[in-house]
Amino acid sequence: YTKAIASFDLAIELEPGFSLSWYNRGVAFQEMRRYDEALESYDQALALDPFNTNALINRGIVLRALGRYDEAMESYQLALEMSPHSAEIWNNMGVVYSDLGFVEEEIAAYEMAISLDPMFAAAWDNKGMAFASQGRNDEAIAAFDRALAIDPDDEVVRWRRDTLKQQLALREMVVRWAVIAGVVVVGYVGVRVWKRRSNPGS
């Protein structure tokens, strides 16, 4: 990406008002996880072309990576005003809701994404993780199954689903032992630490 950035810098030097060069520069910095520089580039691109939805989406991803969740949500909401039927934006908003701990809003955002694009595997996966974090394990497994039906080669989703199934089987075994031993088992099986997946602009 270093050579690509050098090319974009040259293009900007020759024509500083060309928004696409700033946008592409932002994408390159984002891929390198140099988020402050990516944000600066996206802001420049948007100053020149305020209707660049992909720049707003990627700006939201970068702001989230920087821990600036409210600003990330504002960026997504602006993008949504321009592309109200974008499943990707709703999915990314769900990821920010997850960061903020608003699980019901998170799930609602994924459901909106899925209603707009039922074949959106990442939204099904994220929805499964949200359900798992709440101990809604049957719903989580069903969501993971839907994601795998769409993308059978996604080994990460398969691992998540199988891990949850193994945990449930282990809990069932513990409960059976507890019944025999006369012990009360409390709590639920659920995984809280899985990271949700955002989708960048094209």
Foldseek 3Di string as FASTA:
>chain_A
DVVLLVVLVVVCVVPVLDLVSLQVNLVVCVVVVVLVSSLVSLVSSCVNPVLPLLSLQVNLVSCVVVVNLVSSLVSLVSSCVNVVLALQSLQSNLLSCLVVVNLVSSLVSLVSSCVSPVLPLLSLQLNLQSCLLVLVNVSSLVSLVSSCVSPVPPVVSVVVNVVQVVVVVVVVVVVVVCVVVVHDDDDHGGDSPDRGDHDGGD
